[in-house]
Amino acid sequence: MTAIRSDRRPMIEAIGVSKKFGSVRALDSVTLSAPQGSVLALLGHNGAGKTTLVNILTAMTPPTSGTVRVAGFDVGAEPKKMREVIGLTGQFASVDERLTGRDNLVLIARLLGADRKAAKRRADDLLEVFGLTAAATRLSQTYSGGMRRRLDLAACLVGSPDVIFLDEPTSGLDPSSRINLWEIVESLVAEGTTVLLTTQYLDEADRLADSIVMLSAGTVVASGTAAELKEQVGRRSVTVVLEPGHDPATACAALEQAGMTPSIGPDGATIITPVGASKDLAAVIRALDDGGIEAAELAFGEPTLDDVYLALANKSAPHPARASWSPA
């Protein structure tokens, strides 16, 4: 994740976007923006509206109301021009299993207007970038899940898009493949590509996203940088592991005497106390010393996106009309 320059033009914009399916409101007045060369992450549980929003942003389905612009194009009025400058990968790899890795990419390049020589050159370049050169002549049906995901991402880059939409791109991948894809996304963004990422992996958003929009039941319940969202929750804490022989209840009493609100961890030997900032670690140490308590370990913990998600994801209770609807 890199700092975003304020002068970069917005490449993805949604203003007051709503979507109804009959009487069911899947999205309700969603507004977001992503500047050039950044990653915007959409977080939300299944049914929050992430995929519905991606479908609207990529002109696969129209909004009921609102305005959408991608790379400067009005998605409703200029969908063809917009599609020429974007790449999209869905939740499942969409490569043709009957073709080799190279032939998948050559086919797409040819469909985009490249001649045979240029198409092969572009395919080979992408195979090298994604570490698939050795498997270029193998049928893609023989690829592992991680390899198919990399080929799928390579396919969406054949046309050198300005904007990429990644709808849960690492779903089902092993940790090594996930990290590999993260590194590829980071390199693309460093070159100026704008990425919209939907994910249920909070560590993924924490690592990649310059800004985050959290959806719940089709509405935006929180938005900002990861640091800003964590600040909203503010659940900083100090975790104390006691030396053997020291009573956790006595330790809690000592911290309570100092005005803190500690609790005993599930292991029965760890004390967790909320604090306002890292400087409060010294106050915890003093309180334990005053109580004659020895600590084996002390650790200051910042709130995580997991904390943010648990605190804010259910901020808006689903409307009864939404109960039967489950868009991703």
C-alpha atoms as a PDB file:
ATOM      1  CA  MET A   1       0.000   0.000   0.000  1.00  0.00           C
ATOM      2  CA  THR A   2       1.360   3.398  -1.014  1.00  0.00           C
ATOM      3  CA  ALA A   3       0.396   6.961  -0.182  1.00  0.00           C
ATOM      4  CA  ILE A   4      -2.192   8.403  -2.574  1.00  0.00           C
ATOM      5  CA  ARG A   5      -1.411  11.763  -4.136  1.00  0.00           C
ATOM      6  CA  SER A   6      -4.356  14.131  -3.812  1.00  0.00           C
ATOM      7  CA  ASP A   7      -3.980  15.324  -7.428  1.00  0.00           C
ATOM      8  CA  ARG A   8      -4.688  11.936  -8.994  1.00  0.00           C
ATOM      9  CA  ARG A   9      -7.898  11.883 -10.975  1.00  0.00           C
ATOM     10  CA  PRO A  10     -10.701   9.587  -9.832  1.00  0.00           C
ATOM     11  CA  MET A  11     -10.826   6.383 -11.890  1.00  0.00           C
ATOM     12  CA  ILE A  12     -13.802   4.731 -10.182  1.00  0.00           C
ATOM     13  CA  GLU A  13     -16.768   6.762  -8.975  1.00  0.00           C
ATOM     14  CA  ALA A  14     -20.185   5.735  -7.731  1.00  0.00           C
ATOM     15  CA  ILE A  15     -22.546   8.460  -6.553  1.00  0.00           C
ATOM     16  CA  GLY A  16     -25.787   7.541  -4.799  1.00  0.00           C
ATOM     17  CA  VAL A  17     -26.010   4.146  -6.495  1.00  0.00           C
ATOM     18  CA  SER A  18     -29.074   2.055  -5.619  1.00  0.00           C
ATOM     19  CA  LYS A  19     -30.282  -1.227  -7.074  1.00  0.00           C
ATOM     20  CA  LYS A  20     -33.673  -2.843  -6.657  1.00  0.00           C
ATOM     21  CA  PHE A  21     -34.762  -6.289  -7.769  1.00  0.00           C
ATOM     22  CA  GLY A  22     -38.521  -6.032  -7.636  1.00  0.00           C
ATOM     23  CA  SER A  23     -39.351  -4.936  -4.093  1.00  0.00           C
ATOM     24  CA  VAL A  24     -35.909  -5.929  -2.800  1.00  0.00           C
ATOM     25  CA  ARG A  25     -33.293  -3.179  -2.423  1.00  0.00           C
ATOM     26  CA  ALA A  26     -29.880  -4.787  -2.931  1.00  0.00           C
ATOM     27  CA  LEU A  27     -27.924  -1.505  -2.833  1.00  0.00           C
ATOM     28  CA  ASP A  28     -28.990   1.692  -1.126  1.00  0.00           C
ATOM     29  CA  SER A  29     -27.351   5.034  -2.039  1.00  0.00           C
ATOM     30  CA  VAL A  30     -23.792   3.714  -2.274  1.00  0.00           C
ATOM     31  CA  THR A  31     -21.108   6.354  -2.863  1.00  0.00           C
ATOM     32  CA  LEU A  32     -17.397   5.653  -3.312  1.00  0.00           C
ATOM     33  CA  SER A  33     -14.348   6.861  -5.211  1.00  0.00           C
ATOM     34  CA  ALA A  34     -10.896   5.512  -6.069  1.00  0.00           C
ATOM     35  CA  PRO A  35      -8.099   7.686  -7.524  1.00  0.00           C
ATOM     36  CA  GLN A  36      -5.628   6.534 -10.144  1.00  0.00           C
ATOM     37  CA  GLY A  37      -2.958   4.128  -8.936  1.00  0.00           C
ATOM     38  CA  SER A  38      -4.769   2.981  -5.812  1.00  0.00           C
ATOM     39  CA  VAL A  39      -6.588  -0.039  -4.407  1.00  0.00           C
ATOM     40  CA  LEU A  40     -10.143   0.327  -3.136  1.00  0.00           C
ATOM     41  CA  ALA A  41     -11.352  -2.672  -1.145  1.00  0.00           C
ATOM     42  CA  LEU A  42     -15.006  -3.593  -0.712  1.00  0.00           C
ATOM     43  CA  LEU A  43     -15.600  -5.544   2.483  1.00  0.00           C
ATOM     44  CA  GLY A  44     -18.784  -7.294   3.477  1.00  0.00           C
ATOM     45  CA  HIS A  45     -20.344 -10.630   4.286  1.00  0.00           C
ATOM     46  CA  ASN A  46     -22.053 -12.790   1.674  1.00  0.00           C
ATOM     47  CA  GLY A  47     -25.153 -10.907   0.621  1.00  0.00           C
ATOM     48  CA  ALA A  48     -23.772  -7.477   1.494  1.00  0.00           C
ATOM     49  CA  GLY A  49     -23.976  -6.318  -2.143  1.00  0.00           C
ATOM     50  CA  LYS A  50     -20.314  -6.455  -3.219  1.00  0.00           C
ATOM     51  CA  THR A  51     -20.788  -8.405  -6.457  1.00  0.00           C
ATOM     52  CA  THR A  52     -23.950  -6.487  -7.324  1.00  0.00           C
ATOM     53  CA  LEU A  53     -21.953  -3.262  -7.071  1.00  0.00           C
ATOM     54  CA  VAL A  54     -19.119  -4.672  -9.209  1.00  0.00           C
ATOM     55  CA  ASN A  55     -21.679  -5.712 -11.842  1.00  0.00           C
ATOM     56  CA  ILE A  56     -22.995  -2.149 -11.921  1.00  0.00           C
ATOM     57  CA  LEU A  57     -19.522  -0.596 -12.086  1.00  0.00           C
ATOM     58  CA  THR A  58     -18.608  -2.831 -15.028  1.00  0.00           C
ATOM     59  CA  ALA A  59     -21.888  -2.200 -16.925  1.00  0.00           C
ATOM     60  CA  MET A  60     -23.109  -5.779 -16.585  1.00  0.00           C
ATOM     61  CA  THR A  61     -26.275  -4.573 -14.878  1.00  0.00           C
ATOM     62  CA  PRO A  62     -27.719  -1.057 -14.691  1.00  0.00           C
ATOM     63  CA  PRO A  63     -28.343   0.736 -11.411  1.00  0.00           C
ATOM     64  CA  THR A  64     -31.880   1.646 -10.456  1.00  0.00           C
ATOM     65  CA  SER A  65     -30.588   5.114  -9.619  1.00  0.00           C
ATOM     66  CA  GLY A  66     -27.301   6.921  -9.208  1.00  0.00           C
ATOM     67  CA  THR A  67     -24.287   7.821 -11.331  1.00  0.00           C
ATOM     68  CA  VAL A  68     -21.282   5.629 -12.184  1.00  0.00           C
ATOM     69  CA  ARG A  69     -18.076   6.737 -13.902  1.00  0.00           C
ATOM     70  CA  VAL A  70     -15.048   4.560 -14.636  1.00  0.00           C
ATOM     71  CA  ALA A  71     -11.859   5.973 -16.175  1.00  0.00           C
ATOM     72  CA  GLY A  72     -13.794   9.138 -16.945  1.00  0.00           C
ATOM     73  CA  PHE A  73     -16.568   7.375 -18.858  1.00  0.00           C
ATOM     74  CA  ASP A  74     -20.210   7.473 -17.840  1.00  0.00           C
ATOM     75  CA  VAL A  75     -20.905   3.754 -17.490  1.00  0.00           C
ATOM     76  CA  GLY A  76     -24.566   4.113 -18.426  1.00  0.00           C
ATOM     77  CA  ALA A  77     -23.970   6.302 -21.503  1.00  0.00           C
ATOM     78  CA  GLU A  78     -20.599   4.938 -22.706  1.00  0.00           C
ATOM     79  CA  PRO A  79     -20.386   1.270 -21.667  1.00  0.00           C
ATOM     80  CA  LYS A  80     -18.460   0.150 -24.759  1.00  0.00           C
ATOM     81  CA  LYS A  81     -15.735   2.775 -24.323  1.00  0.00           C
ATOM     82  CA  MET A  82     -15.511   1.963 -20.625  1.00  0.00           C
ATOM     83  CA  ARG A  83     -15.119  -1.778 -21.259  1.00  0.00           C
ATOM     84  CA  GLU A  84     -12.148  -1.075 -23.531  1.00  0.00           C
ATOM     85  CA  VAL A  85     -10.089   0.235 -20.604  1.00  0.00           C
ATOM     86  CA  ILE A  86     -11.002  -2.191 -17.816  1.00  0.00           C
ATOM     87  CA  GLY A  87     -10.182  -5.759 -16.834  1.00  0.00           C
ATOM     88  CA  LEU A  88     -12.387  -8.020 -14.721  1.00  0.00           C
ATOM     89  CA  THR A  89     -11.915 -11.286 -12.878  1.00  0.00           C
ATOM     90  CA  GLY A  90     -14.826 -12.953 -11.152  1.00  0.00           C
ATOM     91  CA  GLN A  91     -14.948 -15.177  -8.106  1.00  0.00           C
ATOM     92  CA  PHE A  92     -14.032 -18.214 -10.201  1.00  0.00           C
ATOM     93  CA  ALA A  93     -11.316 -18.535 -12.830  1.00  0.00           C
ATOM     94  CA  SER A  94     -12.874 -18.242 -16.294  1.00  0.00           C
ATOM     95  CA  VAL A  95     -10.094 -19.678 -18.452  1.00  0.00           C
ATOM     96  CA  ASP A  96     -10.915 -22.159 -21.236  1.00  0.00           C
ATOM     97  CA  GLU A  97      -9.758 -25.507 -19.909  1.00  0.00           C
ATOM     98  CA  ARG A  98      -9.520 -26.959 -23.433  1.00  0.00           C
ATOM     99  CA  LEU A  99      -6.788 -24.486 -24.383  1.00  0.00           C
ATOM    100  CA  THR A 100      -3.208 -24.169 -23.199  1.00  0.00           C
ATOM    101  CA  GLY A 101      -2.210 -21.274 -21.000  1.00  0.00           C
ATOM    102  CA  ARG A 102      -0.575 -19.499 -23.928  1.00  0.00           C
ATOM    103  CA  ASP A 103      -3.506 -20.125 -26.275  1.00  0.00           C
ATOM    104  CA  ASN A 104      -5.947 -18.649 -23.752  1.00  0.00           C
ATOM    105  CA  LEU A 105      -4.006 -15.391 -23.744  1.00  0.00           C
ATOM    106  CA  VAL A 106      -3.358 -15.357 -27.500  1.00  0.00           C
ATOM    107  CA  LEU A 107      -7.079 -15.833 -28.155  1.00  0.00           C
ATOM    108  CA  ILE A 108      -7.994 -12.853 -26.002  1.00  0.00           C
ATOM    109  CA  ALA A 109      -5.309 -10.675 -27.607  1.00  0.00           C
ATOM    110  CA  ARG A 110      -6.591 -11.600 -31.067  1.00  0.00           C
ATOM    111  CA  LEU A 111     -10.168 -10.789 -30.045  1.00  0.00           C
ATOM    112  CA  LEU A 112      -8.904  -7.398 -28.896  1.00  0.00           C
ATOM    113  CA  GLY A 113      -7.467  -6.751 -32.360  1.00  0.00           C
ATOM    114  CA  ALA A 114      -3.802  -7.744 -32.092  1.00  0.00           C
ATOM    115  CA  ASP A 115      -2.184  -9.542 -35.014  1.00  0.00           C
ATOM    116  CA  ARG A 116      -0.863 -13.060 -34.477  1.00  0.00           C
ATOM    117  CA  LYS A 117       2.717 -12.010 -33.787  1.00  0.00           C
ATOM    118  CA  ALA A 118       1.774  -9.239 -31.339  1.00  0.00           C
ATOM    119  CA  ALA A 119      -0.727 -11.534 -29.609  1.00  0.00           C
ATOM    120  CA  LYS A 120       1.912 -14.217 -29.024  1.00  0.00           C
ATOM    121  CA  ARG A 121       4.401 -11.642 -27.760  1.00  0.00           C
ATOM    122  CA  ARG A 122       1.855 -10.215 -25.305  1.00  0.00           C
ATOM    123  CA  ALA A 123       0.917 -13.708 -24.132  1.00  0.00           C
ATOM    124  CA  ASP A 124       4.528 -14.681 -23.527  1.00  0.00           C
ATOM    125  CA  ASP A 125       5.204 -11.450 -21.627  1.00  0.00           C
ATOM    126  CA  LEU A 126       2.276 -12.085 -19.302  1.00  0.00           C
ATOM    127  CA  LEU A 127       3.141 -15.745 -18.813  1.00  0.00           C
ATOM    128  CA  GLU A 128       6.572 -14.654 -17.638  1.00  0.00           C
ATOM    129  CA  VAL A 129       5.175 -11.984 -15.287  1.00  0.00           C
ATOM    130  CA  PHE A 130       2.821 -14.501 -13.689  1.00  0.00           C
ATOM    131  CA  GLY A 131       5.367 -17.297 -13.436  1.00  0.00           C
ATOM    132  CA  LEU A 132       3.577 -19.539 -15.940  1.00  0.00           C
ATOM    133  CA  THR A 133       6.152 -19.817 -18.712  1.00  0.00           C
ATOM    134  CA  ALA A 134       7.033 -23.405 -17.838  1.00  0.00           C
ATOM    135  CA  ALA A 135       3.356 -24.363 -18.074  1.00  0.00           C
ATOM    136  CA  ALA A 136       2.576 -22.313 -21.191  1.00  0.00           C
ATOM    137  CA  THR A 137       1.967 -25.306 -23.460  1.00  0.00           C
ATOM    138  CA  ARG A 138      -0.033 -27.343 -20.944  1.00  0.00           C
ATOM    139  CA  LEU A 139      -3.810 -27.474 -21.116  1.00  0.00           C
ATOM    140  CA  SER A 140      -5.156 -25.137 -18.465  1.00  0.00           C
ATOM    141  CA  GLN A 141      -7.315 -27.949 -17.086  1.00  0.00           C
ATOM    142  CA  THR A 142      -4.091 -29.400 -15.671  1.00  0.00           C
ATOM    143  CA  TYR A 143      -3.306 -26.188 -13.753  1.00  0.00           C
ATOM    144  CA  SER A 144      -3.632 -25.959  -9.976  1.00  0.00           C
ATOM    145  CA  GLY A 145      -6.134 -23.514  -8.483  1.00  0.00           C
ATOM    146  CA  GLY A 146      -3.436 -20.947  -7.901  1.00  0.00           C
ATOM    147  CA  MET A 147      -2.127 -21.276 -11.459  1.00  0.00           C
ATOM    148  CA  ARG A 148      -5.622 -20.850 -12.901  1.00  0.00           C
ATOM    149  CA  ARG A 149      -6.126 -17.748 -10.812  1.00  0.00           C
ATOM    150  CA  ARG A 150      -2.841 -16.307 -12.103  1.00  0.00           C
ATOM    151  CA  LEU A 151      -3.815 -17.160 -15.684  1.00  0.00           C
ATOM    152  CA  ASP A 152      -7.218 -15.551 -15.133  1.00  0.00           C
ATOM    153  CA  LEU A 153      -5.588 -12.362 -13.865  1.00  0.00           C
ATOM    154  CA  ALA A 154      -3.144 -12.436 -16.786  1.00  0.00           C
ATOM    155  CA  ALA A 155      -6.115 -12.735 -19.145  1.00  0.00           C
ATOM    156  CA  CYS A 156      -7.731  -9.601 -17.754  1.00  0.00           C
ATOM    157  CA  LEU A 157      -4.446  -7.724 -18.321  1.00  0.00           C
ATOM    158  CA  VAL A 158      -4.000  -8.638 -21.984  1.00  0.00           C
ATOM    159  CA  GLY A 159      -5.438  -5.299 -23.070  1.00  0.00           C
ATOM    160  CA  SER A 160      -3.329  -3.316 -20.542  1.00  0.00           C
ATOM    161  CA  PRO A 161      -6.404  -1.957 -18.733  1.00  0.00           C
ATOM    162  CA  ASP A 162      -6.349   1.243 -16.709  1.00  0.00           C
ATOM    163  CA  VAL A 163      -8.786  -0.183 -14.146  1.00  0.00           C
ATOM    164  CA  ILE A 164      -9.065  -3.746 -12.842  1.00  0.00           C
ATOM    165  CA  PHE A 165     -11.989  -5.217 -10.932  1.00  0.00           C
ATOM    166  CA  LEU A 166     -11.064  -8.235  -8.813  1.00  0.00           C
ATOM    167  CA  ASP A 167     -14.070  -9.982  -7.287  1.00  0.00           C
ATOM    168  CA  GLU A 168     -12.706 -12.166  -4.462  1.00  0.00           C
ATOM    169  CA  PRO A 169      -9.647 -13.146  -6.548  1.00  0.00           C
ATOM    170  CA  THR A 170      -7.956 -15.249  -3.853  1.00  0.00           C
ATOM    171  CA  SER A 171     -11.005 -17.177  -2.700  1.00  0.00           C
ATOM    172  CA  GLY A 172     -10.011 -20.794  -2.116  1.00  0.00           C
ATOM    173  CA  LEU A 173      -6.300 -20.269  -2.747  1.00  0.00           C
ATOM    174  CA  ASP A 174      -3.546 -21.581  -0.492  1.00  0.00           C
ATOM    175  CA  PRO A 175      -1.513 -18.990   1.483  1.00  0.00           C
ATOM    176  CA  SER A 176       1.446 -19.087  -0.916  1.00  0.00           C
ATOM    177  CA  SER A 177      -0.756 -18.443  -3.968  1.00  0.00           C
ATOM    178  CA  ARG A 178      -2.571 -15.635  -2.162  1.00  0.00           C
ATOM    179  CA  ILE A 179       0.697 -13.870  -1.335  1.00  0.00           C
ATOM    180  CA  ASN A 180       1.866 -14.291  -4.930  1.00  0.00           C
ATOM    181  CA  LEU A 181      -1.299 -12.612  -6.211  1.00  0.00           C
ATOM    182  CA  TRP A 182      -0.935  -9.820  -3.664  1.00  0.00           C
ATOM    183  CA  GLU A 183       2.550  -9.084  -4.951  1.00  0.00           C
ATOM    184  CA  ILE A 184       1.289  -8.973  -8.534  1.00  0.00           C
ATOM    185  CA  VAL A 185      -1.483  -6.551  -7.605  1.00  0.00           C
ATOM    186  CA  GLU A 186       1.014  -4.345  -5.758  1.00  0.00           C
ATOM    187  CA  SER A 187       3.292  -4.216  -8.803  1.00  0.00           C
ATOM    188  CA  LEU A 188       0.378  -3.253 -11.078  1.00  0.00           C
ATOM    189  CA  VAL A 189      -0.706  -0.450  -8.768  1.00  0.00           C
ATOM    190  CA  ALA A 190       2.870   0.823  -8.561  1.00  0.00           C
ATOM    191  CA  GLU A 191       2.713   1.253 -12.347  1.00  0.00           C
ATOM    192  CA  GLY A 192      -0.476   3.338 -12.119  1.00  0.00           C
ATOM    193  CA  THR A 193      -3.250   0.768 -12.457  1.00  0.00           C
ATOM    194  CA  THR A 194      -6.354   1.319 -10.330  1.00  0.00           C
ATOM    195  CA  VAL A 195      -7.842  -1.728  -8.625  1.00  0.00           C
ATOM    196  CA  LEU A 196     -11.201  -2.367  -7.026  1.00  0.00           C
ATOM    197  CA  LEU A 197     -10.981  -5.469  -4.862  1.00  0.00           C
ATOM    198  CA  THR A 198     -13.830  -7.299  -3.182  1.00  0.00           C
ATOM    199  CA  THR A 199     -12.748  -9.651  -0.448  1.00  0.00           C
ATOM    200  CA  GLN A 200     -13.819 -11.417   2.721  1.00  0.00           C
ATOM    201  CA  TYR A 201     -10.180 -11.706   3.842  1.00  0.00           C
ATOM    202  CA  LEU A 202      -9.498  -8.841   6.214  1.00  0.00           C
ATOM    203  CA  ASP A 203      -5.728  -9.361   6.097  1.00  0.00           C
ATOM    204  CA  GLU A 204      -5.928  -8.974   2.315  1.00  0.00           C
ATOM    205  CA  ALA A 205      -7.638  -5.593   2.603  1.00  0.00           C
ATOM    206  CA  ASP A 206      -5.255  -4.526   5.363  1.00  0.00           C
ATOM    207  CA  ARG A 207      -2.243  -5.235   3.165  1.00  0.00           C
ATOM    208  CA  LEU A 208      -3.452  -4.039  -0.235  1.00  0.00           C
ATOM    209  CA  ALA A 209      -6.079  -1.348   0.228  1.00  0.00           C
ATOM    210  CA  ASP A 210      -5.412   2.370   0.181  1.00  0.00           C
ATOM    211  CA  SER A 211      -9.057   2.863   1.114  1.00  0.00           C
ATOM    212  CA  ILE A 212     -11.838   0.567   2.290  1.00  0.00           C
ATOM    213  CA  VAL A 213     -15.611   0.662   1.922  1.00  0.00           C
ATOM    214  CA  MET A 214     -17.558  -1.660   4.192  1.00  0.00           C
ATOM    215  CA  LEU A 215     -20.972  -2.811   2.998  1.00  0.00           C
ATOM    216  CA  SER A 216     -23.714  -4.331   5.079  1.00  0.00           C
ATOM    217  CA  ALA A 217     -27.152  -5.169   3.671  1.00  0.00           C
ATOM    218  CA  GLY A 218     -26.462  -2.990   0.647  1.00  0.00           C
ATOM    219  CA  THR A 219     -25.471   0.163   2.506  1.00  0.00           C
ATOM    220  CA  VAL A 220     -22.096   1.727   3.310  1.00  0.00           C
ATOM    221  CA  VAL A 221     -21.601   1.407   7.059  1.00  0.00           C
ATOM    222  CA  ALA A 222     -17.988   2.621   7.147  1.00  0.00           C
ATOM    223  CA  SER A 223     -15.317   3.955   4.812  1.00  0.00           C
ATOM    224  CA  GLY A 224     -11.768   5.257   5.053  1.00  0.00           C
ATOM    225  CA  THR A 225      -8.231   3.964   5.278  1.00  0.00           C
ATOM    226  CA  ALA A 226      -7.521   0.879   7.363  1.00  0.00           C
ATOM    227  CA  ALA A 227      -5.974   3.130  10.022  1.00  0.00           C
ATOM    228  CA  GLU A 228      -9.018   5.406  10.089  1.00  0.00           C
ATOM    229  CA  LEU A 229     -11.409   2.488  10.454  1.00  0.00           C
ATOM    230  CA  LYS A 230      -9.346   1.017  13.261  1.00  0.00           C
ATOM    231  CA  GLU A 231      -9.379   4.404  14.961  1.00  0.00           C
ATOM    232  CA  GLN A 232     -13.192   4.345  14.930  1.00  0.00           C
ATOM    233  CA  VAL A 233     -13.174   1.105  16.890  1.00  0.00           C
ATOM    234  CA  GLY A 234     -10.275   2.125  19.131  1.00  0.00           C
ATOM    235  CA  ARG A 235      -9.880  -1.240  20.822  1.00  0.00           C
ATOM    236  CA  ARG A 236      -6.242  -0.922  21.785  1.00  0.00           C
ATOM    237  CA  SER A 237      -5.225  -3.258  24.566  1.00  0.00           C
ATOM    238  CA  VAL A 238      -2.336  -4.526  26.640  1.00  0.00           C
ATOM    239  CA  THR A 239      -2.006  -8.275  27.071  1.00  0.00           C
ATOM    240  CA  VAL A 240      -0.152  -9.479  30.168  1.00  0.00           C
ATOM    241  CA  VAL A 241       1.207 -12.994  30.610  1.00  0.00           C
ATOM    242  CA  LEU A 242       1.833 -13.549  34.316  1.00  0.00           C
ATOM    243  CA  GLU A 243       4.824 -15.275  35.837  1.00  0.00           C
ATOM    244  CA  PRO A 244       3.945 -18.729  37.223  1.00  0.00           C
ATOM    245  CA  GLY A 245       2.477 -18.562  40.701  1.00  0.00           C
ATOM    246  CA  HIS A 246       0.838 -15.164  40.343  1.00  0.00           C
ATOM    247  CA  ASP A 247      -2.934 -15.006  40.714  1.00  0.00           C
ATOM    248  CA  PRO A 248      -4.818 -13.514  37.734  1.00  0.00           C
ATOM    249  CA  ALA A 249      -7.598 -12.266  40.009  1.00  0.00           C
ATOM    250  CA  THR A 250      -5.055 -10.364  42.127  1.00  0.00           C
ATOM    251  CA  ALA A 251      -3.539  -8.878  38.954  1.00  0.00           C
ATOM    252  CA  CYS A 252      -6.967  -7.744  37.791  1.00  0.00           C
ATOM    253  CA  ALA A 253      -7.624  -6.150  41.167  1.00  0.00           C
ATOM    254  CA  ALA A 254      -4.350  -4.222  40.932  1.00  0.00           C
ATOM    255  CA  LEU A 255      -5.242  -2.899  37.478  1.00  0.00           C
ATOM    256  CA  GLU A 256      -8.768  -2.018  38.580  1.00  0.00           C
ATOM    257  CA  GLN A 257      -7.276  -0.078  41.488  1.00  0.00           C
ATOM    258  CA  ALA A 258      -5.462   2.019  38.869  1.00  0.00           C
ATOM    259  CA  GLY A 259      -8.744   2.774  37.085  1.00  0.00           C
ATOM    260  CA  MET A 260      -8.492   0.132  34.341  1.00  0.00           C
ATOM    261  CA  THR A 261     -11.035  -2.479  33.223  1.00  0.00           C
ATOM    262  CA  PRO A 262      -9.056  -5.721  32.804  1.00  0.00           C
ATOM    263  CA  SER A 263     -10.396  -9.177  32.068  1.00  0.00           C
ATOM    264  CA  ILE A 264      -8.920 -12.647  32.343  1.00  0.00           C
ATOM    265  CA  GLY A 265      -8.226 -14.320  29.012  1.00  0.00           C
ATOM    266  CA  PRO A 266      -9.697 -17.680  28.022  1.00  0.00           C
ATOM    267  CA  ASP A 267      -6.487 -19.465  29.063  1.00  0.00           C
ATOM    268  CA  GLY A 268      -7.003 -18.323  32.654  1.00  0.00           C
ATOM    269  CA  ALA A 269      -3.475 -16.935  32.933  1.00  0.00           C
ATOM    270  CA  THR A 270      -3.524 -13.941  30.594  1.00  0.00           C
ATOM    271  CA  ILE A 271      -4.834 -10.499  31.500  1.00  0.00           C
ATOM    272  CA  ILE A 272      -6.222  -8.215  28.804  1.00  0.00           C
ATOM    273  CA  THR A 273      -6.931  -4.572  29.559  1.00  0.00           C
ATOM    274  CA  PRO A 274      -8.167  -1.883  27.148  1.00  0.00           C
ATOM    275  CA  VAL A 275      -5.955   1.208  26.875  1.00  0.00           C
ATOM    276  CA  GLY A 276      -6.045   4.471  24.984  1.00  0.00           C
ATOM    277  CA  ALA A 277      -2.541   4.471  23.520  1.00  0.00           C
ATOM    278  CA  SER A 278       0.821   2.710  23.651  1.00  0.00           C
ATOM    279  CA  LYS A 279       2.005   5.110  26.372  1.00  0.00           C
ATOM    280  CA  ASP A 280      -0.495   3.455  28.732  1.00  0.00           C
ATOM    281  CA  LEU A 281       1.713   0.364  28.732  1.00  0.00           C
ATOM    282  CA  ALA A 282       3.806   2.128  31.405  1.00  0.00           C
ATOM    283  CA  ALA A 283       0.704   2.631  33.569  1.00  0.00           C
ATOM    284  CA  VAL A 284      -0.061  -1.086  33.365  1.00  0.00           C
ATOM    285  CA  ILE A 285       3.474  -1.945  34.461  1.00  0.00           C
ATOM    286  CA  ARG A 286       3.304   0.490  37.400  1.00  0.00           C
ATOM    287  CA  ALA A 287      -0.053  -0.891  38.542  1.00  0.00           C
ATOM    288  CA  LEU A 288       1.253  -4.465  38.483  1.00  0.00           C
ATOM    289  CA  ASP A 289       4.410  -3.428  40.346  1.00  0.00           C
ATOM    290  CA  ASP A 290       2.313  -1.690  43.001  1.00  0.00           C
ATOM    291  CA  GLY A 291       0.346  -4.903  43.432  1.00  0.00           C
ATOM    292  CA  GLY A 292       3.457  -7.058  43.656  1.00  0.00           C
ATOM    293  CA  ILE A 293       2.597  -8.858  40.404  1.00  0.00           C
ATOM    294  CA  GLU A 294       5.349 -10.135  38.097  1.00  0.00           C
ATOM    295  CA  ALA A 295       4.674 -10.161  34.349  1.00  0.00           C
ATOM    296  CA  ALA A 296       6.478 -12.619  32.075  1.00  0.00           C
ATOM    297  CA  GLU A 297       5.344 -10.829  28.903  1.00  0.00           C
ATOM    298  CA  LEU A 298       3.529  -7.631  27.982  1.00  0.00           C
ATOM    299  CA  ALA A 299       2.261  -6.792  24.509  1.00  0.00           C
ATOM    300  CA  PHE A 300       0.495  -3.703  23.158  1.00  0.00           C
ATOM    301  CA  GLY A 301      -2.088  -4.492  20.505  1.00  0.00           C
ATOM    302  CA  GLU A 302      -3.697  -2.174  17.953  1.00  0.00           C
ATOM    303  CA  PRO A 303      -7.254  -2.926  16.797  1.00  0.00           C
ATOM    304  CA  THR A 304      -7.431  -5.065  13.668  1.00  0.00           C
ATOM    305  CA  LEU A 305      -9.780  -4.995  10.706  1.00  0.00           C
ATOM    306  CA  ASP A 306     -11.368  -8.047  12.307  1.00  0.00           C
ATOM    307  CA  ASP A 307     -12.348  -5.797  15.218  1.00  0.00           C
ATOM    308  CA  VAL A 308     -13.664  -3.180  12.790  1.00  0.00           C
ATOM    309  CA  TYR A 309     -15.684  -5.723  10.858  1.00  0.00           C
ATOM    310  CA  LEU A 310     -17.234  -7.248  13.968  1.00  0.00           C
ATOM    311  CA  ALA A 311     -18.083  -3.810  15.345  1.00  0.00           C
ATOM    312  CA  LEU A 312     -19.455  -2.222  12.175  1.00  0.00           C
ATOM    313  CA  ALA A 313     -20.619  -4.922   9.745  1.00  0.00           C
ATOM    314  CA  ASN A 314     -23.978  -5.248  11.475  1.00  0.00           C
ATOM    315  CA  LYS A 315     -24.356  -1.542  12.096  1.00  0.00           C
ATOM    316  CA  SER A 316     -27.352  -1.407   9.753  1.00  0.00           C
ATOM    317  CA  ALA A 317     -29.872  -4.111  10.488  1.00  0.00           C
ATOM    318  CA  PRO A 318     -31.232  -5.735   7.312  1.00  0.00           C
ATOM    319  CA  HIS A 319     -34.615  -4.469   6.202  1.00  0.00           C
ATOM    320  CA  PRO A 320     -37.269  -7.202   6.224  1.00  0.00           C
ATOM    321  CA  ALA A 321     -37.565  -6.894   2.429  1.00  0.00           C
ATOM    322  CA  ARG A 322     -33.905  -7.845   2.122  1.00  0.00           C
ATOM    323  CA  ALA A 323     -34.176 -10.998   4.147  1.00  0.00           C
ATOM    324  CA  SER A 324     -34.881 -13.267   1.203  1.00  0.00           C
ATOM    325  CA  TRP A 325     -32.274 -11.685  -1.082  1.00  0.00           C
ATOM    326  CA  SER A 326     -28.671 -12.911  -1.062  1.00  0.00           C
ATOM    327  CA  PRO A 327     -26.511 -11.175  -3.705  1.00  0.00           C
ATOM    328  CA  ALA A 328     -22.780 -11.594  -3.126  1.00  0.00           C
END
